[in-house]
């Protein structure tokens, strides 16, 4: 077997930055087509259940791949600051777990996903990702010019304004009791009322949820999470503001050049997460009976893809630097 054929069979060859970019573009294109065709519906119709399951599957598979690529960077002996990529990997896997619980709460059990057990994983995601972004800035000693700090201040001002607005919307949504349709209460079952639990609204698109009552432990978690929804929302808004600030610093600090491309992609990934989070926070407070699957949620997939691309590009840069070092040593 020739050397070229061996390289084609090597799994590392298919995980280079070039191939990951191709796969990422394909992944993002498939997701965009799905969202463009099935996410926009009129008020009288609902999104098909398979659409939510498919988009969730795209997110989950993308998270697993991106997390594994970040772990590869952490294990590599040629990448300095591997702890940063370990933190990114843990954060991505935490988002994977939170996303899974979110889907189960909404699709399988027909409960309000804002009160799911996934909140614990999302909190972990935010805290670890913030730690990773901060460490990336400190380890690489990012220095910004005065005009760049002005841009960062402007980004912070915009993010702070959005955060205050979303917090105000969340507070208004708590004071206004939700309108529950009689059909939904009947579907929830009399067993919940005897336990003193208000019947949650079952998503209209979920046919699976309406046919399966949640277990008692799920109802117990849902009941304990309900009073904390506004607290979680405020926490997410604050963390998004911090991440947006770090992303702006990282993007401007690595402006231009091939070596800075992975970190610009990381900053863009955080920005995509911020856009999707902001939309979801707005829609969940303002859109009556909001169902997952809006077109703006595709930015979560865009962010996931860019995390994987960033990890692959950083690995390529480390391999390229290693080869250059070998050539210089051979010349000497």
Protein backbone atom coordinates (compact mmCIF):
# COMPACT_ATOMS: atom_id res chain seq x y z
CA UNK A 1 0.00 0.00 0.00
CA UNK A 2 1.45 3.38 -1.00
CA UNK A 3 2.06 6.30 1.34
CA UNK A 4 -0.73 8.37 -0.22
CA UNK A 5 -3.26 5.59 0.28
CA UNK A 6 -2.20 5.25 3.90
CA UNK A 7 -2.72 8.97 4.43
CA UNK A 8 -6.21 8.69 2.97
CA UNK A 9 -7.06 5.99 5.50
CA UNK A 10 -5.61 7.98 8.41
CA UNK A 11 -8.52 9.47 10.39
CA UNK A 12 -6.35 12.46 11.34
CA UNK A 13 -6.21 13.41 7.65
CA UNK A 14 -9.97 13.93 7.59
CA UNK A 15 -9.78 16.14 10.68
CA UNK A 16 -7.51 18.80 9.20
CA UNK A 17 -8.69 22.38 9.09
CA UNK A 18 -9.48 22.19 5.38
CA UNK A 19 -11.73 19.14 5.68
CA UNK A 20 -13.39 20.40 8.86
CA UNK A 21 -14.20 23.66 7.08
CA UNK A 22 -15.80 21.70 4.22
CA UNK A 23 -17.82 19.55 6.60
CA UNK A 24 -18.77 22.61 8.62
CA UNK A 25 -20.05 24.40 5.53
CA UNK A 26 -22.09 21.34 4.57
CA UNK A 27 -23.46 21.06 8.12
CA UNK A 28 -24.39 24.75 8.21
CA UNK A 29 -25.96 24.58 4.73
CA UNK A 30 -28.14 21.58 5.62
CA UNK A 31 -29.24 23.30 8.82
CA UNK A 32 -30.01 26.55 6.99
CA UNK A 33 -32.11 24.75 4.38
CA UNK A 34 -34.11 22.95 7.08
CA UNK A 35 -34.74 26.12 9.05
CA UNK A 36 -35.64 28.17 5.98
CA UNK A 37 -38.15 25.58 4.77
CA UNK A 38 -39.80 24.42 8.00
CA UNK A 39 -39.18 26.97 10.77
CA UNK A 40 -41.38 29.74 9.37
CA UNK A 41 -45.03 28.81 9.82
CA UNK A 42 -48.22 30.82 10.05
CA UNK A 43 -50.04 31.08 13.40
CA UNK A 44 -52.63 28.49 12.36
CA UNK A 45 -50.14 25.69 11.72
CA UNK A 46 -47.37 24.05 13.72
CA UNK A 47 -43.89 22.82 12.95
CA UNK A 48 -43.61 19.06 12.31
CA UNK A 49 -42.26 17.06 15.23
CA UNK A 50 -39.53 15.48 13.11
CA UNK A 51 -38.15 18.95 12.37
CA UNK A 52 -37.42 19.64 16.05
CA UNK A 53 -35.86 16.20 16.46
CA UNK A 54 -33.73 16.63 13.31
CA UNK A 55 -32.41 20.08 14.24
CA UNK A 56 -31.69 18.89 17.77
CA UNK A 57 -29.80 15.94 16.29
CA UNK A 58 -27.76 18.31 14.12
CA UNK A 59 -26.87 20.32 17.20
CA UNK A 60 -25.99 17.29 19.31
CA UNK A 61 -23.80 15.60 16.68
CA UNK A 62 -22.08 18.91 15.97
CA UNK A 63 -21.42 19.41 19.68
CA UNK A 64 -19.88 15.95 20.01
CA UNK A 65 -17.58 16.50 17.02
CA UNK A 66 -16.54 20.00 18.14
CA UNK A 67 -15.94 18.77 21.68
CA UNK A 68 -13.75 15.92 20.45
CA UNK A 69 -11.73 18.31 18.27
CA UNK A 70 -11.14 20.54 21.30
CA UNK A 71 -10.06 17.50 23.33
CA UNK A 72 -7.59 16.59 20.58
CA UNK A 73 -5.99 20.02 20.96
CA UNK A 74 -5.76 19.55 24.72
CA UNK A 75 -4.03 16.19 24.31
CA UNK A 76 -1.63 17.49 21.68
CA UNK A 77 1.90 18.08 22.93
CA UNK A 78 2.49 20.74 20.27
CA UNK A 79 -0.24 23.19 21.29
CA UNK A 80 0.63 25.68 24.00
CA UNK A 81 -2.12 26.51 26.43
CA UNK A 82 -3.98 23.25 26.02
CA UNK A 83 -5.98 23.99 29.17
CA UNK A 84 -7.99 26.51 27.19
CA UNK A 85 -9.13 23.81 24.78
CA UNK A 86 -9.92 21.47 27.65
CA UNK A 87 -12.22 24.11 29.12
CA UNK A 88 -13.83 24.63 25.72
CA UNK A 89 -14.39 20.87 25.39
CA UNK A 90 -15.99 20.58 28.84
CA UNK A 91 -18.22 23.58 28.12
CA UNK A 92 -19.33 22.10 24.79
CA UNK A 93 -20.12 18.73 26.37
CA UNK A 94 -22.06 20.54 29.11
CA UNK A 95 -24.13 22.27 26.42
CA UNK A 96 -24.68 18.84 24.85
CA UNK A 97 -26.16 17.56 28.13
CA UNK A 98 -28.31 20.64 28.64
CA UNK A 99 -29.61 20.46 25.09
CA UNK A 100 -30.57 16.81 25.57
CA UNK A 101 -32.57 17.54 28.73
CA UNK A 102 -34.17 20.57 27.04
CA UNK A 103 -35.41 18.37 24.20
CA UNK A 104 -36.70 15.67 26.55
CA UNK A 105 -38.59 18.22 28.63
CA UNK A 106 -40.23 19.78 25.59
CA UNK A 107 -40.72 16.92 23.16
CA UNK A 108 -41.11 13.80 25.29
CA UNK A 109 -42.84 15.07 28.43
CA UNK A 110 -44.50 18.25 27.10
CA UNK A 111 -43.20 20.44 29.93
CA UNK A 112 -41.86 23.97 29.86
CA UNK A 113 -38.20 23.50 28.79
CA UNK A 114 -37.22 26.70 30.60
CA UNK A 115 -37.62 24.72 33.86
CA UNK A 116 -35.76 21.61 32.72
CA UNK A 117 -32.82 19.89 34.39
CA UNK A 118 -30.77 21.20 31.50
CA UNK A 119 -30.42 24.52 33.32
CA UNK A 120 -27.75 22.96 35.54
CA UNK A 121 -25.75 21.99 32.45
CA UNK A 122 -26.27 25.39 30.83
CA UNK A 123 -24.99 27.13 33.97
CA UNK A 124 -21.93 24.89 33.82
CA UNK A 125 -21.52 25.71 30.12
CA UNK A 126 -21.51 29.45 30.73
CA UNK A 127 -19.15 29.37 33.70
CA UNK A 128 -16.58 27.09 32.04
CA UNK A 129 -16.74 28.89 28.69
CA UNK A 130 -16.17 32.22 30.44
CA UNK A 131 -13.18 30.71 32.25
CA UNK A 132 -11.82 29.38 28.94
CA UNK A 133 -12.24 32.70 27.12
CA UNK A 134 -10.57 34.58 29.98
CA UNK A 135 -7.68 32.13 30.06
CA UNK A 136 -7.25 32.42 26.28
CA UNK A 137 -6.91 36.20 26.60
CA UNK A 138 -4.49 36.02 29.53
CA UNK A 139 -2.30 33.20 28.18
CA UNK A 140 -1.79 34.95 24.86
CA UNK A 141 -1.28 38.34 26.47
CA UNK A 142 -3.76 40.08 24.18
CA UNK A 143 -2.90 43.78 23.86
CA UNK A 144 -5.35 46.22 22.29
CA UNK A 145 -4.81 49.72 20.98
CA UNK A 146 -6.76 52.64 22.36
CA UNK A 147 -9.20 52.75 19.44
CA UNK A 148 -9.78 49.00 19.82
CA UNK A 149 -10.74 49.49 23.46
CA UNK A 150 -13.24 52.09 22.27
CA UNK A 151 -14.80 49.43 20.03
CA UNK A 152 -14.92 46.99 22.95
CA UNK A 153 -16.60 49.65 25.11
CA UNK A 154 -19.20 50.15 22.38
CA UNK A 155 -19.86 46.41 22.22
CA UNK A 156 -20.26 46.31 26.00
CA UNK A 157 -22.69 49.24 25.89
CA UNK A 158 -24.82 47.52 23.25
CA UNK A 159 -24.75 44.23 25.14
CA UNK A 160 -25.62 45.93 28.42
CA UNK A 161 -28.57 47.71 26.80
CA UNK A 162 -29.83 44.44 25.34
CA UNK A 163 -29.36 42.69 28.68
CA UNK A 164 -31.33 45.31 30.62
CA UNK A 165 -34.10 45.20 28.04
CA UNK A 166 -34.33 41.41 28.15
CA UNK A 167 -34.31 41.44 31.96
CA UNK A 168 -37.19 43.93 31.92
CA UNK A 169 -39.14 41.75 29.52
CA UNK A 170 -38.54 38.73 31.73
CA UNK A 171 -39.80 40.59 34.79
CA UNK A 172 -42.96 41.63 32.94
CA UNK A 173 -43.56 38.07 31.77
CA UNK A 174 -43.42 36.82 35.36
CA UNK A 175 -46.04 39.32 36.56
CA UNK A 176 -48.48 38.37 33.78
CA UNK A 177 -49.98 34.89 34.37
CA UNK A 178 -49.83 32.62 31.29
CA UNK A 179 -53.05 31.74 29.53
CA UNK A 180 -53.55 27.98 29.52
CA UNK A 181 -56.00 26.47 27.13
CA UNK A 182 -58.63 24.09 28.58
CA UNK A 183 -57.57 21.37 26.14
CA UNK A 184 -54.02 21.52 27.49
CA UNK A 185 -55.15 21.17 31.09
CA UNK A 186 -57.24 18.15 30.21
CA UNK A 187 -54.31 16.51 28.45
CA UNK A 188 -52.01 17.12 31.40
CA UNK A 189 -54.00 14.66 33.52
CA UNK A 190 -55.71 14.87 36.87
CA UNK A 191 -52.74 13.27 38.67
CA UNK A 192 -50.77 16.52 38.53
CA UNK A 193 -53.61 18.51 40.07
CA UNK A 194 -53.87 16.15 43.00
CA UNK A 195 -50.15 16.73 43.67
CA UNK A 196 -50.67 20.48 43.72
CA UNK A 197 -48.73 21.07 40.49
CA UNK A 198 -50.14 23.47 37.95
CA UNK A 199 -50.50 21.82 34.58
CA UNK A 200 -47.82 23.09 32.20
CA UNK A 201 -48.59 24.05 28.65
CA UNK A 202 -47.89 21.20 26.25
CA UNK A 203 -46.22 22.33 23.03
CA UNK A 204 -48.61 22.14 20.11
CA UNK A 205 -46.05 20.51 17.83
CA UNK A 206 -45.30 17.63 20.22
CA UNK A 207 -47.43 14.58 19.59
CA UNK A 208 -45.07 12.42 21.64
CA UNK A 209 -45.42 14.59 24.72
CA UNK A 210 -49.21 14.51 24.76
CA UNK A 211 -49.25 10.71 24.90
CA UNK A 212 -46.72 10.20 27.73
CA UNK A 213 -47.04 11.61 31.23
CA UNK A 214 -43.78 12.64 32.91
CA UNK A 215 -42.40 10.48 35.74
CA UNK A 216 -42.71 11.75 39.30
CA UNK A 217 -39.03 12.67 39.54
CA UNK A 218 -39.33 14.79 36.39
CA UNK A 219 -42.34 16.60 37.84
CA UNK A 220 -40.43 17.17 41.07
CA UNK A 221 -37.52 18.75 39.20
CA UNK A 222 -39.89 20.82 37.10
CA UNK A 223 -41.69 22.07 40.22
CA UNK A 224 -38.40 23.02 41.90
CA UNK A 225 -37.11 24.79 38.78
CA UNK A 226 -40.24 26.87 38.08
CA UNK A 227 -39.53 29.58 40.72
CA UNK A 228 -35.94 29.89 39.43
CA UNK A 229 -36.74 30.57 35.77
CA UNK A 230 -36.32 34.36 36.08
CA UNK A 231 -33.10 33.87 38.05
CA UNK A 232 -31.68 31.59 35.38
CA UNK A 233 -32.70 34.04 32.65
CA UNK A 234 -30.95 36.92 34.41
CA UNK A 235 -27.86 34.76 34.90
CA UNK A 236 -27.78 33.83 31.21
CA UNK A 237 -28.12 37.47 30.16
CA UNK A 238 -25.22 38.48 32.43
CA UNK A 239 -23.01 35.63 31.19
CA UNK A 240 -23.81 36.47 27.57
CA UNK A 241 -22.64 40.03 28.23
CA UNK A 242 -19.34 38.79 29.68
CA UNK A 243 -18.82 36.37 26.78
CA UNK A 244 -19.61 39.08 24.24
CA UNK A 245 -16.97 41.32 25.85
CA UNK A 246 -14.34 38.57 25.82
CA UNK A 247 -15.22 37.71 22.21
CA UNK A 248 -14.71 41.33 21.14
CA UNK A 249 -11.32 41.46 22.88
CA UNK A 250 -10.25 38.16 21.33
CA UNK A 251 -11.44 39.12 17.85
CA UNK A 252 -9.67 42.49 17.85
CA UNK A 253 -6.56 41.11 19.53
CA UNK A 254 -6.07 38.51 16.78
CA UNK A 255 -7.12 40.73 13.90
CA UNK A 256 -5.41 39.59 10.70
CA UNK A 257 -3.00 36.78 10.02
CA UNK A 258 -3.29 33.01 9.67
CA UNK A 259 -2.26 32.28 13.26
CA UNK A 260 -5.06 34.44 14.63
CA UNK A 261 -7.78 32.81 12.52
CA UNK A 262 -8.72 30.10 15.08
CA UNK A 263 -9.31 32.74 17.74
CA UNK A 264 -11.34 34.92 15.44
CA UNK A 265 -13.45 31.87 14.66
CA UNK A 266 -13.84 31.26 18.39
CA UNK A 267 -15.00 34.84 18.89
CA UNK A 268 -17.47 34.47 16.01
CA UNK A 269 -18.77 31.24 17.55
CA UNK A 270 -19.46 33.07 20.82
CA UNK A 271 -21.21 35.83 18.86
CA UNK A 272 -23.46 33.25 17.16
CA UNK A 273 -24.36 31.80 20.55
CA UNK A 274 -25.12 35.31 21.79
CA UNK A 275 -27.47 35.99 18.86
CA UNK A 276 -29.35 32.71 19.37
CA UNK A 277 -29.54 33.18 23.14
CA UNK A 278 -30.79 36.75 22.77
CA UNK A 279 -33.49 35.72 20.32
CA UNK A 280 -34.62 32.82 22.48
CA UNK A 281 -34.81 35.03 25.58
CA UNK A 282 -36.89 37.58 23.67
CA UNK A 283 -39.20 35.06 22.02
CA UNK A 284 -39.72 33.06 25.21
CA UNK A 285 -40.94 36.22 26.97
CA UNK A 286 -42.83 37.96 24.17
CA UNK A 287 -44.20 35.26 21.85
CA UNK A 288 -47.25 33.56 23.33
CA UNK A 289 -46.88 29.77 23.27
CA UNK A 290 -43.43 29.96 21.72
CA UNK A 291 -42.15 26.69 20.27
CA UNK A 292 -38.55 25.79 19.63
CA UNK A 293 -37.37 25.77 16.04
CA UNK A 294 -37.41 29.42 15.02
CA UNK A 295 -35.08 30.37 12.20
CA UNK A 296 -32.86 32.44 14.52
CA UNK A 297 -31.97 29.29 16.44
CA UNK A 298 -29.84 28.19 13.51
CA UNK A 299 -27.15 30.46 14.97
CA UNK A 300 -26.57 27.84 17.66
CA UNK A 301 -25.51 25.42 14.94
CA UNK A 302 -23.37 28.10 13.30
CA UNK A 303 -21.61 28.66 16.62
CA UNK A 304 -21.11 24.93 17.19
CA UNK A 305 -19.60 24.52 13.72
CA UNK A 306 -17.22 27.44 14.22
CA UNK A 307 -15.95 26.02 17.52
CA UNK A 308 -14.99 22.84 15.67
CA UNK A 309 -13.38 24.74 12.81
CA UNK A 310 -11.40 26.87 15.26
CA UNK A 311 -10.08 23.77 17.04
CA UNK A 312 -9.06 22.14 13.74
CA UNK A 313 -7.31 25.28 12.50
CA UNK A 314 -5.38 25.63 15.75
CA UNK A 315 -4.25 22.00 15.43
CA UNK A 316 -3.10 22.68 11.85
CA UNK A 317 -1.16 25.74 12.99
CA UNK A 318 0.63 23.69 15.64
CA UNK A 319 1.58 20.99 13.12
CA UNK A 320 2.79 23.63 10.67
CA UNK A 321 4.91 25.32 13.35
CA UNK A 322 6.39 21.94 14.29
CA UNK A 323 7.42 21.25 10.69
CA UNK A 324 9.00 24.69 10.34
CA UNK A 325 10.97 24.14 13.54
CA UNK A 326 12.26 20.81 12.19
CA UNK A 327 13.37 22.41 8.93
CA UNK A 328 15.24 25.17 10.74
CA UNK A 329 16.95 22.59 12.94
CA UNK A 330 17.95 20.54 9.88
CA UNK A 331 19.36 23.61 8.13
CA UNK A 332 21.47 24.51 11.15
